[in-house]
Protein backbone atom coordinates (compact mmCIF):
# COMPACT_ATOMS: atom_id res chain seq x y z
CA MET A 1 42.86 168.76 29.94
CA GLU A 2 40.69 166.97 32.46
CA GLU A 3 41.65 166.54 36.08
CA LYS A 4 44.48 164.16 36.82
CA GLY A 5 43.30 163.50 40.36
CA GLY A 6 45.96 163.03 43.00
CA ASP A 7 46.41 163.96 46.62
CA VAL A 8 44.83 167.39 46.16
CA GLU A 9 41.56 165.48 46.54
CA SER A 10 42.45 165.03 50.21
CA LEU A 11 42.33 168.83 50.56
CA PHE A 12 39.41 169.82 48.34
CA VAL A 13 36.33 168.18 46.92
CA VAL A 14 34.34 169.33 43.90
CA ALA A 15 31.01 170.39 45.43
CA GLU A 16 29.36 171.82 42.31
CA ARG A 17 29.90 171.75 38.55
CA HIS A 18 28.59 174.50 36.32
CA ASP A 19 30.53 173.64 33.16
CA VAL A 20 29.59 175.18 29.83
CA GLY A 21 30.81 172.90 27.06
CA GLU A 22 34.59 172.73 27.27
CA HIS A 23 34.65 175.47 29.89
CA GLN A 24 35.08 174.29 33.49
CA LEU A 25 33.35 176.32 36.21
CA ARG A 26 33.45 174.50 39.51
CA VAL A 27 33.04 174.99 43.24
CA LEU A 28 35.62 173.38 45.54
CA GLU A 29 35.34 173.03 49.29
CA PRO A 30 37.92 171.93 51.91
CA ALA A 31 37.70 168.19 52.49
CA SER A 32 40.07 167.57 55.40
CA ALA A 33 40.64 168.90 58.89
CA ASP A 34 44.24 169.89 58.13
CA TRP A 35 43.67 171.54 54.75
CA LEU A 36 44.76 174.99 55.94
CA ALA A 37 47.89 173.65 57.65
CA VAL A 38 48.90 171.94 54.39
CA LEU A 39 48.39 175.18 52.47
CA ALA A 40 50.35 177.12 55.08
CA GLU A 41 53.26 174.70 54.83
CA GLU A 42 53.27 175.12 51.04
CA TYR A 43 53.13 178.91 51.48
CA ARG A 44 56.13 178.82 53.80
CA ARG A 45 58.02 176.70 51.27
CA LEU A 46 57.24 179.03 48.39
CA ARG A 47 58.22 182.14 50.33
CA THR A 48 61.50 180.69 51.66
CA VAL A 49 62.68 178.61 48.71
CA SER A 50 66.28 179.48 47.78
CA ASP A 51 68.71 178.52 45.05
CA HIS A 52 70.78 176.77 47.72
CA PRO A 53 69.74 175.17 51.04
CA PRO A 54 70.45 177.06 54.29
CA THR A 55 73.84 176.57 55.87
CA ALA A 56 75.30 177.62 59.22
CA LEU A 57 76.79 181.12 59.28
CA SER A 58 79.94 182.08 61.12
CA PHE A 59 81.85 185.34 60.70
CA ASP A 60 83.78 187.47 63.20
CA GLY A 61 81.65 186.71 66.24
CA LEU A 62 78.46 185.89 64.32
CA ASP A 63 77.44 182.27 64.79
CA LEU A 64 74.10 180.98 63.51
CA ALA A 65 73.12 177.33 63.32
CA VAL A 66 71.22 176.02 60.29
CA GLN A 67 67.91 176.07 62.20
CA GLU A 68 68.47 179.67 63.24
CA VAL A 69 69.18 180.65 59.64
CA ALA A 70 65.96 178.95 58.51
CA GLU A 71 63.94 180.72 61.22
CA ILE A 72 65.34 184.15 60.33
CA LEU A 73 64.64 183.53 56.64
CA ARG A 74 61.05 182.58 57.43
CA ALA A 75 60.52 185.67 59.59
CA ALA A 76 61.98 187.91 56.87
CA THR A 77 60.06 186.50 53.90
CA VAL A 78 56.66 185.16 55.07
CA PRO A 79 54.24 188.12 55.30
CA HIS A 80 52.35 189.25 58.37
CA TYR A 81 48.58 189.43 58.02
CA GLU A 82 47.31 192.95 57.33
CA PRO A 83 43.56 193.70 57.31
CA GLY A 84 41.72 195.02 54.26
CA ASN A 85 41.00 193.92 50.72
CA PHE A 86 44.55 194.64 49.64
CA GLY A 87 46.30 192.66 52.36
CA VAL A 88 48.84 190.43 50.66
CA VAL A 89 48.06 187.34 52.77
CA ARG A 90 44.51 187.21 51.39
CA SER A 91 45.70 187.25 47.80
CA ASP A 92 48.54 184.85 48.58
CA LEU A 93 46.06 182.35 50.00
CA ALA A 94 44.25 182.35 46.64
CA GLU A 95 47.48 182.04 44.67
CA VAL A 96 48.75 179.12 46.75
CA ILE A 97 45.49 177.24 46.14
CA LEU A 98 45.58 178.07 42.42
CA ALA A 99 49.08 176.66 42.06
CA LEU A 100 48.46 173.57 44.17
CA VAL A 101 45.26 172.64 42.34
CA GLY A 102 46.90 173.42 39.00
CA GLU A 103 49.87 171.18 39.72
CA ARG A 104 48.04 168.25 41.27
CA MET A 105 44.75 168.20 39.37
CA TYR A 106 45.85 169.40 35.94
CA GLY A 107 49.59 168.77 35.76
CA SER A 108 50.55 172.46 35.45
CA ARG A 109 54.26 173.30 35.45
CA TYR A 110 55.25 176.83 36.36
CA GLY A 111 57.77 179.48 35.54
CA TYR A 112 57.14 182.77 37.34
CA ARG A 113 54.85 182.62 40.37
CA SER A 114 54.06 185.95 41.98
CA VAL A 115 53.61 184.50 45.45
CA SER A 116 57.17 183.19 45.41
CA ASP A 117 59.08 185.49 43.07
CA ARG A 118 57.74 189.00 43.67
CA GLU A 119 60.07 191.73 44.85
CA LEU A 120 58.22 192.96 47.97
CA VAL A 121 57.22 190.81 50.95
CA GLN A 122 54.13 192.72 52.12
CA ARG A 123 52.77 193.86 48.75
CA PRO A 124 51.27 191.85 45.87
CA GLY A 125 53.21 191.36 42.67
CA ARG A 126 52.22 192.86 39.33
CA GLY A 127 51.34 191.15 36.08
CA ILE A 128 49.95 187.68 35.55
CA ASP A 129 49.75 185.85 38.89
CA GLN A 130 50.91 182.51 37.51
CA ILE A 131 52.07 181.34 34.10
CA GLY A 132 52.08 177.60 33.56
CA VAL A 133 52.30 175.00 30.85
CA GLU A 134 50.75 171.55 30.55
CA TYR A 135 51.84 168.83 28.16
CA ASP A 136 49.77 165.75 27.46
CA GLU A 137 52.14 163.09 26.06
CA PRO A 138 49.53 160.70 24.57
CA THR A 139 48.09 163.48 22.38
CA ALA A 140 51.22 165.68 22.23
CA ARG A 141 48.95 168.54 23.22
CA LEU A 142 50.49 171.70 24.63
CA THR A 143 48.49 174.01 26.91
CA LEU A 144 49.43 177.50 28.06
CA VAL A 145 47.81 178.41 31.39
CA LEU A 146 47.37 182.08 32.32
CA GLY A 147 46.32 182.15 35.97
CA GLU A 148 44.70 184.93 37.99
CA ALA A 149 43.59 184.61 41.63
CA LYS A 150 41.23 186.82 43.66
CA VAL A 151 39.59 186.90 47.09
CA SER A 152 36.28 188.59 47.86
CA SER A 153 33.92 188.63 50.82
CA GLU A 154 31.56 191.08 49.06
CA GLN A 155 27.92 190.17 49.48
CA LYS A 156 26.99 191.12 45.93
CA SER A 157 26.96 188.27 43.41
CA PRO A 158 29.03 188.23 41.33
CA PRO A 159 31.53 190.23 43.40
CA GLY A 160 33.22 193.17 41.72
CA VAL A 161 36.52 191.34 41.31
CA VAL A 162 34.90 189.12 38.67
CA ASP A 163 33.47 191.60 36.16
CA ARG A 164 33.91 195.19 37.36
CA GLY A 165 36.97 197.42 37.24
CA ASP A 166 40.23 197.52 35.32
CA ASP A 167 41.81 194.73 37.37
CA CYS A 168 38.83 192.35 37.56
CA LEU A 169 39.23 188.79 36.33
CA ARG A 170 37.33 189.48 33.12
CA ALA A 171 39.40 192.53 32.18
CA GLN A 172 42.68 190.83 33.00
CA HIS A 173 42.00 187.72 30.96
CA LEU A 174 40.62 189.60 27.97
CA MET A 175 43.73 191.78 27.98
CA HIS A 176 46.02 188.73 28.08
CA LEU A 177 44.18 187.26 25.10
CA ARG A 178 43.98 190.50 23.12
CA GLU A 179 47.56 191.71 23.60
CA ARG A 180 49.32 188.63 22.28
CA ASP A 181 52.77 190.13 21.87
CA ALA A 182 52.79 191.53 25.40
CA THR A 183 51.50 188.26 26.87
CA ALA A 184 54.04 186.20 24.91
CA ASP A 185 56.81 188.44 26.24
CA LYS A 186 55.53 187.83 29.79
CA VAL A 187 55.68 184.08 29.19
CA TRP A 188 59.28 184.39 28.01
CA ALA A 189 60.12 186.40 31.14
CA ALA A 190 58.42 183.76 33.29
CA SER A 191 60.48 181.03 31.64
CA ARG A 192 63.63 182.48 33.21
CA ARG A 193 62.46 181.27 36.64
CA CYS A 194 61.77 177.66 35.61
CA PRO A 195 63.16 175.00 37.94
CA ASP A 196 63.92 172.65 35.05
CA PRO A 197 64.95 173.09 31.40
CA GLU A 198 62.05 171.08 29.95
CA THR A 199 59.44 173.38 31.50
CA GLN A 200 61.42 176.35 30.22
CA ARG A 201 61.47 174.89 26.71
CA LEU A 202 57.73 174.18 26.68
CA LEU A 203 56.86 177.66 27.96
CA ARG A 204 58.93 179.29 25.21
CA ILE A 205 57.35 177.13 22.52
CA ALA A 206 53.90 177.95 23.90
CA ALA A 207 54.71 181.67 23.92
CA GLU A 208 55.67 181.74 20.25
CA LEU A 209 52.73 179.62 19.12
CA PHE A 210 50.42 181.98 20.98
CA ARG A 211 52.17 185.07 19.59
CA ALA A 212 51.81 183.75 16.05
CA GLY A 213 48.12 182.97 16.52
CA ILE A 214 48.56 179.29 15.71
CA ASP A 215 45.54 178.32 17.79
CA ASP A 216 45.20 174.84 16.30
CA LYS A 217 48.62 173.90 17.71
CA ILE A 218 48.19 175.13 21.26
CA ARG A 219 45.39 175.30 23.79
CA ILE A 220 45.01 178.43 25.91
CA VAL A 221 43.44 178.22 29.37
CA ALA A 222 42.17 181.33 31.14
CA ALA A 223 42.49 180.04 34.71
CA SER A 224 40.75 181.91 37.52
CA LEU A 225 40.52 181.10 41.20
CA LEU A 226 38.15 182.99 43.46
CA VAL A 227 38.12 182.53 47.25
CA ARG A 228 34.66 183.18 48.72
CA PRO A 229 32.84 182.87 52.08
CA PRO A 230 30.13 180.26 52.75
CA THR A 231 27.47 182.70 51.50
CA ALA A 232 28.78 182.53 47.92
CA ARG A 233 26.04 182.05 45.34
CA THR A 234 26.59 179.98 42.24
CA PRO A 235 26.53 179.98 39.30
CA ARG A 236 25.96 183.74 39.65
CA ASP A 237 29.36 184.28 41.26
CA PHE A 238 31.03 183.18 38.00
CA GLY A 239 29.56 186.25 36.29
CA SER A 240 30.31 186.66 32.59
CA PHE A 241 32.57 183.60 32.61
CA HIS A 242 29.36 181.56 32.92
CA ARG A 243 26.86 183.86 31.14
CA ALA A 244 29.08 184.78 28.20
CA SER A 245 31.83 182.16 28.04
CA ALA A 246 32.21 182.71 24.27
CA ASP A 247 33.72 186.14 25.03
CA PHE A 248 36.96 184.41 26.04
CA ARG A 249 37.63 182.64 22.77
CA PRO A 250 40.03 181.17 21.81
CA ALA A 251 40.73 180.32 25.46
CA ASP A 252 39.06 177.61 27.48
CA ILE A 253 37.82 178.81 30.86
CA ARG A 254 38.96 177.07 34.04
CA PHE A 255 37.23 178.92 36.87
CA LEU A 256 37.50 177.42 40.34
CA LEU A 257 35.56 178.99 43.19
CA ILE A 258 36.87 178.01 46.62
CA ARG A 259 34.03 178.19 49.15
CA LEU A 260 35.55 178.55 52.60
CA PRO A 261 33.87 177.12 55.72
CA GLY A 262 34.16 180.43 57.59
CA ASP A 263 34.99 184.13 57.47
CA VAL A 264 37.59 184.95 54.81
CA ASP A 265 39.69 187.20 57.02
CA GLU A 266 39.67 184.78 59.95
CA VAL A 267 40.93 182.05 57.63
CA ALA A 268 43.63 184.38 56.27
CA VAL A 269 44.78 185.29 59.81
CA GLU A 270 45.18 181.62 60.71
CA PHE A 271 46.86 180.87 57.36
CA ALA A 272 49.52 183.50 58.08
CA ARG A 273 49.97 182.36 61.68
CA LEU A 274 50.56 178.77 60.64
CA ALA A 275 52.95 179.77 57.85
CA ARG A 276 55.00 182.02 60.11
CA GLY A 277 54.96 179.64 63.07
CA ASP A 278 53.64 182.38 65.36
CA VAL A 279 52.55 181.67 68.91
CA ALA A 280 48.89 180.90 69.61
CA ASN A 281 47.48 179.90 73.00
CA GLY A 282 50.96 179.46 74.36
CA GLN A 283 51.99 177.02 71.65
CA VAL A 284 54.20 177.51 68.61
CA ALA A 285 52.77 176.24 65.34
């Protein structure tokens, strides 16, 4: 499915295209002054979303207004920044961008989303980062999107998170494609978290078509998002996704590299500050 456009274009612009046939490998860069504030607001929403809206609390001397309840919920569920490659805010930044671009550019609809649904606040979730489905009504085409997001400030190109190690993007996607029963089960599990019944239905149909190997009835997208500093080198940073795209058959590759305008960790620190509403320079965000 090609891009649908939309207001995501006010946040990011496609700076480079390194497509290989049907496979999309593209570099996106921030396109507005408030791009990080918009992402932080979405992060806060995803981390605080509840089955029911906040209400005032009153019980035996405890009295909390609605605003106080919302503030406590935000403080309890939006992570603090922690330094290091395994800090959850870094990975959450990538996942928020992956979901936002998926929704607004490609029409992705999600079930489970690690950034919102994981068990622990300060630690990344396990399994597929995001499982989505896309349905194109004019062609009645169903697409299952298996999304993985990474962040790397490594100088080497491609960085290790692309092609090296058991949890690199290449290894993760090849495993999803090879272990069809396990992946289909994960899609079914993700469908439990769907906000609407139609998305749930489409995810379950997609899971069983994928499990059965009926590849002419469903399109599979191996979606990757990699957050990189300004020194990122392309197309080398896409690694085997660009050099050996045929390895990922029957999936189509959708690899988006987000080239930040500054240091990755400095951006992550500000992302967390904005999302939490922490004080900076005497002002509350």
